[in-house]
Amino acid sequence: MEREPIEVRAPEGARLLEILWSDGESSLLPHRILRGYCPCAGCQGHSGPVRWVEGTDKLSDDALTLVDLAPSGQYALRMRWGDGHDTGIYAFDFLAELGDLFSLDREAQRARTFGR
């Protein structure tokens, strides 16, 4: 059975997205991590692994505010940020991998890379 989200919680004003998965597990995703690993071509280019986007830590609180969250097909979520950035499509399997970063320190969080 493939892991699928059964509930996504993104309270207004919060800085944390929570996903409850079909296998009973949950992922906590700080907005800083979501934005720091934005998978769009503007942030990541067109090839290679998904890496931490330099400059993310310098973004304003408004830029890290999640203002819209919508499904993208049956496999991903699209996020729009407070500064208007909205081209990242976050596949569910990628979101599950990002959830593994929550317990790591900031340096370890930034050092990870992910396949496309």
N, C-alpha and C. Protein backbone atom coordinates (compact mmCIF):
# COMPACT_ATOMS: atom_id res chain seq x y z
N MET A 1 0.84 -1.18 0.00
CA MET A 1 0.00 0.00 0.00
C MET A 1 0.88 1.25 0.00
N GLU A 2 0.59 2.18 -0.88
CA GLU A 2 1.33 3.43 -0.96
C GLU A 2 0.82 4.39 0.11
N ARG A 3 1.73 5.12 0.69
CA ARG A 3 1.39 6.09 1.73
C ARG A 3 0.69 7.30 1.10
N GLU A 4 -0.48 7.64 1.65
CA GLU A 4 -1.25 8.78 1.15
C GLU A 4 -1.67 9.64 2.33
N PRO A 5 -1.79 10.96 2.12
CA PRO A 5 -2.27 11.81 3.21
C PRO A 5 -3.77 11.62 3.39
N ILE A 6 -4.19 11.55 4.65
CA ILE A 6 -5.62 11.48 4.93
C ILE A 6 -6.13 12.79 5.53
N GLU A 7 -5.20 13.60 6.05
CA GLU A 7 -5.56 14.92 6.56
C GLU A 7 -4.34 15.82 6.52
N VAL A 8 -4.58 17.06 6.13
CA VAL A 8 -3.52 18.07 6.12
C VAL A 8 -4.01 19.22 6.99
N ARG A 9 -3.19 19.58 7.96
CA ARG A 9 -3.54 20.67 8.87
C ARG A 9 -2.56 21.82 8.66
N ALA A 10 -3.10 22.97 8.35
CA ALA A 10 -2.30 24.17 8.12
C ALA A 10 -3.03 25.35 8.75
N PRO A 11 -3.02 25.43 10.08
CA PRO A 11 -3.76 26.51 10.73
C PRO A 11 -3.26 27.89 10.32
N GLU A 12 -4.18 28.80 10.12
CA GLU A 12 -3.82 30.17 9.76
C GLU A 12 -2.96 30.76 10.87
N GLY A 13 -1.86 31.37 10.48
CA GLY A 13 -0.95 31.99 11.44
C GLY A 13 0.11 31.05 12.00
N ALA A 14 -0.06 29.77 11.79
CA ALA A 14 0.91 28.79 12.28
C ALA A 14 2.13 28.79 11.37
N ARG A 15 3.21 28.24 11.84
CA ARG A 15 4.44 28.11 11.05
C ARG A 15 4.80 26.64 10.84
N LEU A 16 3.75 25.80 10.94
CA LEU A 16 3.96 24.36 10.87
C LEU A 16 2.79 23.72 10.13
N LEU A 17 3.09 22.87 9.17
CA LEU A 17 2.09 22.09 8.45
C LEU A 17 2.16 20.67 9.01
N GLU A 18 1.02 20.06 9.24
CA GLU A 18 0.99 18.68 9.73
C GLU A 18 0.22 17.83 8.75
N ILE A 19 0.79 16.67 8.42
CA ILE A 19 0.13 15.72 7.53
C ILE A 19 -0.06 14.41 8.28
N LEU A 20 -1.28 13.92 8.29
CA LEU A 20 -1.58 12.60 8.85
C LEU A 20 -1.66 11.65 7.66
N TRP A 21 -0.88 10.57 7.74
CA TRP A 21 -0.75 9.63 6.62
C TRP A 21 -1.63 8.40 6.81
N SER A 22 -1.91 7.72 5.72
CA SER A 22 -2.77 6.53 5.72
C SER A 22 -2.20 5.38 6.54
N ASP A 23 -0.90 5.39 6.81
CA ASP A 23 -0.30 4.32 7.62
C ASP A 23 -0.32 4.65 9.11
N GLY A 24 -0.98 5.75 9.49
CA GLY A 24 -1.09 6.13 10.89
C GLY A 24 0.03 7.05 11.37
N GLU A 25 1.03 7.27 10.58
CA GLU A 25 2.13 8.16 10.93
C GLU A 25 1.73 9.60 10.63
N SER A 26 2.51 10.54 11.16
CA SER A 26 2.28 11.94 10.84
C SER A 26 3.62 12.62 10.56
N SER A 27 3.57 13.70 9.82
CA SER A 27 4.75 14.50 9.51
C SER A 27 4.50 15.92 9.96
N LEU A 28 5.51 16.51 10.62
CA LEU A 28 5.47 17.92 10.98
C LEU A 28 6.46 18.64 10.09
N LEU A 29 5.97 19.65 9.38
CA LEU A 29 6.77 20.34 8.39
C LEU A 29 6.77 21.84 8.65
N PRO A 30 7.84 22.35 9.26
CA PRO A 30 7.94 23.80 9.45
C PRO A 30 7.94 24.50 8.09
N HIS A 31 7.31 25.65 8.03
CA HIS A 31 7.25 26.40 6.78
C HIS A 31 8.65 26.71 6.26
N ARG A 32 9.61 26.97 7.15
CA ARG A 32 10.97 27.25 6.73
C ARG A 32 11.56 26.08 5.94
N ILE A 33 11.29 24.86 6.37
CA ILE A 33 11.78 23.68 5.64
C ILE A 33 11.07 23.55 4.30
N LEU A 34 9.76 23.72 4.30
CA LEU A 34 9.01 23.63 3.04
C LEU A 34 9.53 24.64 2.02
N ARG A 35 9.71 25.87 2.45
CA ARG A 35 10.18 26.91 1.53
C ARG A 35 11.65 26.68 1.18
N GLY A 36 12.43 26.22 2.15
CA GLY A 36 13.86 25.98 1.90
C GLY A 36 14.13 24.87 0.90
N TYR A 37 13.20 23.96 0.77
CA TYR A 37 13.33 22.87 -0.20
C TYR A 37 12.28 22.98 -1.30
N CYS A 38 11.88 24.21 -1.61
CA CYS A 38 10.91 24.39 -2.69
C CYS A 38 11.39 23.67 -3.94
N PRO A 39 10.57 22.77 -4.50
CA PRO A 39 11.02 21.96 -5.63
C PRO A 39 10.86 22.61 -7.00
N CYS A 40 10.42 23.86 -7.06
CA CYS A 40 10.17 24.46 -8.38
C CYS A 40 11.47 24.69 -9.15
N ALA A 41 11.35 24.80 -10.45
CA ALA A 41 12.53 25.01 -11.31
C ALA A 41 13.21 26.33 -11.03
N GLY A 42 12.46 27.36 -10.63
CA GLY A 42 13.07 28.64 -10.29
C GLY A 42 13.99 28.55 -9.10
N CYS A 43 13.65 27.71 -8.15
CA CYS A 43 14.48 27.53 -6.95
C CYS A 43 15.55 26.46 -7.14
N GLN A 44 15.26 25.42 -7.92
CA GLN A 44 16.14 24.26 -8.01
C GLN A 44 16.83 24.08 -9.36
N GLY A 45 16.43 24.84 -10.35
CA GLY A 45 16.94 24.58 -11.69
C GLY A 45 16.17 23.42 -12.31
N HIS A 46 16.68 22.91 -13.42
CA HIS A 46 15.94 21.89 -14.16
C HIS A 46 16.52 20.48 -14.03
N SER A 47 17.61 20.33 -13.29
CA SER A 47 18.19 19.00 -13.13
C SER A 47 18.93 18.91 -11.81
N GLY A 48 19.33 17.71 -11.47
CA GLY A 48 20.05 17.48 -10.23
C GLY A 48 19.11 17.31 -9.06
N PRO A 49 19.69 17.04 -7.89
CA PRO A 49 18.86 16.82 -6.71
C PRO A 49 18.24 18.11 -6.19
N VAL A 50 17.21 17.97 -5.39
CA VAL A 50 16.60 19.10 -4.71
C VAL A 50 17.47 19.40 -3.49
N ARG A 51 17.93 20.64 -3.40
CA ARG A 51 18.82 21.09 -2.32
C ARG A 51 18.18 22.26 -1.57
N TRP A 52 18.75 22.57 -0.42
CA TRP A 52 18.34 23.73 0.36
C TRP A 52 18.55 24.99 -0.47
N VAL A 53 17.56 25.86 -0.51
CA VAL A 53 17.63 27.10 -1.28
C VAL A 53 18.34 28.15 -0.42
N GLU A 54 19.53 28.54 -0.84
CA GLU A 54 20.27 29.56 -0.12
C GLU A 54 19.44 30.84 -0.04
N GLY A 55 19.51 31.51 1.08
CA GLY A 55 18.76 32.74 1.28
C GLY A 55 17.42 32.54 1.97
N THR A 56 17.00 31.29 2.14
CA THR A 56 15.71 31.03 2.78
C THR A 56 15.67 31.62 4.19
N ASP A 57 16.76 31.51 4.93
CA ASP A 57 16.77 32.01 6.31
C ASP A 57 16.69 33.53 6.37
N LYS A 58 16.90 34.21 5.27
CA LYS A 58 16.81 35.67 5.24
C LYS A 58 15.43 36.17 4.83
N LEU A 59 14.53 35.23 4.48
CA LEU A 59 13.18 35.62 4.08
C LEU A 59 12.41 36.17 5.28
N SER A 60 11.54 37.12 5.01
CA SER A 60 10.72 37.72 6.07
C SER A 60 9.69 36.72 6.58
N ASP A 61 9.13 37.03 7.74
CA ASP A 61 8.05 36.20 8.28
C ASP A 61 6.88 36.14 7.30
N ASP A 62 6.60 37.27 6.63
CA ASP A 62 5.51 37.28 5.66
C ASP A 62 5.78 36.31 4.51
N ALA A 63 7.01 36.24 4.05
CA ALA A 63 7.36 35.34 2.94
C ALA A 63 7.20 33.88 3.35
N LEU A 64 7.35 33.58 4.64
CA LEU A 64 7.21 32.20 5.13
C LEU A 64 5.79 31.89 5.60
N THR A 65 4.87 32.80 5.34
CA THR A 65 3.48 32.56 5.68
C THR A 65 2.81 31.81 4.54
N LEU A 66 2.23 30.68 4.86
CA LEU A 66 1.51 29.88 3.87
C LEU A 66 0.11 30.47 3.73
N VAL A 67 -0.15 31.07 2.57
CA VAL A 67 -1.44 31.75 2.38
C VAL A 67 -2.44 30.92 1.59
N ASP A 68 -1.98 29.89 0.89
CA ASP A 68 -2.91 29.01 0.19
C ASP A 68 -2.28 27.64 0.02
N LEU A 69 -3.10 26.64 0.13
CA LEU A 69 -2.69 25.25 0.00
C LEU A 69 -3.76 24.55 -0.80
N ALA A 70 -3.37 23.91 -1.90
CA ALA A 70 -4.36 23.27 -2.77
C ALA A 70 -3.80 21.98 -3.34
N PRO A 71 -4.67 21.00 -3.60
CA PRO A 71 -4.19 19.78 -4.25
C PRO A 71 -3.72 20.07 -5.67
N SER A 72 -2.77 19.28 -6.11
CA SER A 72 -2.30 19.32 -7.49
C SER A 72 -2.43 17.89 -8.00
N GLY A 73 -3.51 17.63 -8.68
CA GLY A 73 -3.80 16.26 -9.10
C GLY A 73 -4.05 15.39 -7.88
N GLN A 74 -3.74 14.11 -8.01
CA GLN A 74 -3.93 13.15 -6.92
C GLN A 74 -2.63 12.81 -6.21
N TYR A 75 -1.57 13.59 -6.48
CA TYR A 75 -0.25 13.18 -6.01
C TYR A 75 0.54 14.26 -5.27
N ALA A 76 0.01 15.48 -5.18
CA ALA A 76 0.84 16.56 -4.65
C ALA A 76 -0.01 17.70 -4.10
N LEU A 77 0.70 18.63 -3.44
CA LEU A 77 0.10 19.87 -2.96
C LEU A 77 0.84 21.05 -3.60
N ARG A 78 0.09 22.09 -3.88
CA ARG A 78 0.66 23.35 -4.37
C ARG A 78 0.52 24.35 -3.24
N MET A 79 1.59 25.10 -2.99
CA MET A 79 1.60 26.07 -1.90
C MET A 79 1.86 27.47 -2.44
N ARG A 80 1.13 28.43 -1.87
CA ARG A 80 1.40 29.83 -2.20
C ARG A 80 1.84 30.52 -0.92
N TRP A 81 2.95 31.22 -1.01
CA TRP A 81 3.58 31.86 0.14
C TRP A 81 3.22 33.34 0.19
N GLY A 82 3.44 33.95 1.33
CA GLY A 82 3.08 35.34 1.57
C GLY A 82 3.70 36.34 0.62
N ASP A 83 4.82 36.00 0.01
CA ASP A 83 5.45 36.91 -0.95
C ASP A 83 5.02 36.62 -2.39
N GLY A 84 4.02 35.74 -2.55
CA GLY A 84 3.50 35.44 -3.88
C GLY A 84 4.12 34.24 -4.56
N HIS A 85 5.22 33.71 -4.01
CA HIS A 85 5.86 32.54 -4.64
C HIS A 85 4.88 31.36 -4.58
N ASP A 86 4.62 30.74 -5.75
CA ASP A 86 3.62 29.67 -5.78
C ASP A 86 3.87 28.62 -6.86
N THR A 87 5.09 28.47 -7.30
CA THR A 87 5.35 27.54 -8.40
C THR A 87 5.81 26.15 -7.95
N GLY A 88 5.98 25.96 -6.66
CA GLY A 88 6.42 24.65 -6.16
C GLY A 88 5.27 23.67 -6.07
N ILE A 89 5.45 22.50 -6.64
CA ILE A 89 4.49 21.40 -6.50
C ILE A 89 5.17 20.33 -5.67
N TYR A 90 4.63 20.07 -4.49
CA TYR A 90 5.24 19.18 -3.50
C TYR A 90 4.55 17.82 -3.56
N ALA A 91 5.20 16.85 -4.19
CA ALA A 91 4.65 15.49 -4.27
C ALA A 91 4.54 14.91 -2.86
N PHE A 92 3.54 14.07 -2.65
CA PHE A 92 3.32 13.49 -1.34
C PHE A 92 4.55 12.72 -0.84
N ASP A 93 5.21 11.97 -1.73
CA ASP A 93 6.39 11.22 -1.27
C ASP A 93 7.51 12.17 -0.86
N PHE A 94 7.63 13.31 -1.53
CA PHE A 94 8.62 14.32 -1.16
C PHE A 94 8.28 14.93 0.20
N LEU A 95 7.01 15.23 0.43
CA LEU A 95 6.58 15.76 1.72
C LEU A 95 6.87 14.78 2.85
N ALA A 96 6.67 13.49 2.60
CA ALA A 96 6.98 12.48 3.62
C ALA A 96 8.48 12.48 3.93
N GLU A 97 9.31 12.61 2.90
CA GLU A 97 10.76 12.68 3.13
C GLU A 97 11.14 13.94 3.90
N LEU A 98 10.52 15.07 3.56
CA LEU A 98 10.80 16.31 4.29
C LEU A 98 10.42 16.19 5.76
N GLY A 99 9.39 15.42 6.05
CA GLY A 99 8.96 15.22 7.43
C GLY A 99 10.04 14.60 8.29
N ASP A 100 10.95 13.86 7.68
CA ASP A 100 12.05 13.24 8.42
C ASP A 100 13.05 14.27 8.95
N LEU A 101 13.00 15.49 8.44
CA LEU A 101 13.95 16.52 8.85
C LEU A 101 13.59 17.19 10.16
N PHE A 102 12.36 17.05 10.60
CA PHE A 102 11.86 17.79 11.76
C PHE A 102 12.74 17.62 12.99
N SER A 103 13.21 16.44 13.25
CA SER A 103 13.97 16.16 14.47
C SER A 103 15.46 16.49 14.36
N LEU A 104 15.92 16.91 13.19
CA LEU A 104 17.33 17.21 12.99
C LEU A 104 17.63 18.67 13.33
N ASP A 105 18.90 18.96 13.65
CA ASP A 105 19.27 20.36 13.88
C ASP A 105 19.33 21.08 12.54
N ARG A 106 19.39 22.41 12.59
CA ARG A 106 19.29 23.21 11.36
C ARG A 106 20.39 22.89 10.35
N GLU A 107 21.58 22.68 10.82
CA GLU A 107 22.68 22.37 9.89
C GLU A 107 22.41 21.06 9.15
N ALA A 108 21.95 20.05 9.86
CA ALA A 108 21.64 18.76 9.24
C ALA A 108 20.44 18.90 8.30
N GLN A 109 19.47 19.72 8.68
CA GLN A 109 18.31 19.94 7.81
C GLN A 109 18.74 20.52 6.46
N ARG A 110 19.64 21.46 6.49
CA ARG A 110 20.08 22.14 5.26
C ARG A 110 21.01 21.28 4.42
N ALA A 111 21.62 20.28 5.00
CA ALA A 111 22.63 19.47 4.28
C ALA A 111 22.02 18.38 3.42
N ARG A 112 20.75 18.05 3.62
CA ARG A 112 20.12 16.96 2.87
C ARG A 112 19.89 17.32 1.41
N THR A 113 19.86 16.31 0.59
CA THR A 113 19.44 16.45 -0.80
C THR A 113 18.40 15.38 -1.08
N PHE A 114 17.56 15.62 -2.06
CA PHE A 114 16.47 14.71 -2.39
C PHE A 114 16.42 14.51 -3.89
N GLY A 115 16.07 13.30 -4.31
CA GLY A 115 15.90 13.01 -5.72
C GLY A 115 14.63 13.68 -6.24
N ARG A 116 14.56 13.77 -7.55
CA ARG A 116 13.37 14.38 -8.16
C ARG A 116 12.40 13.32 -8.60
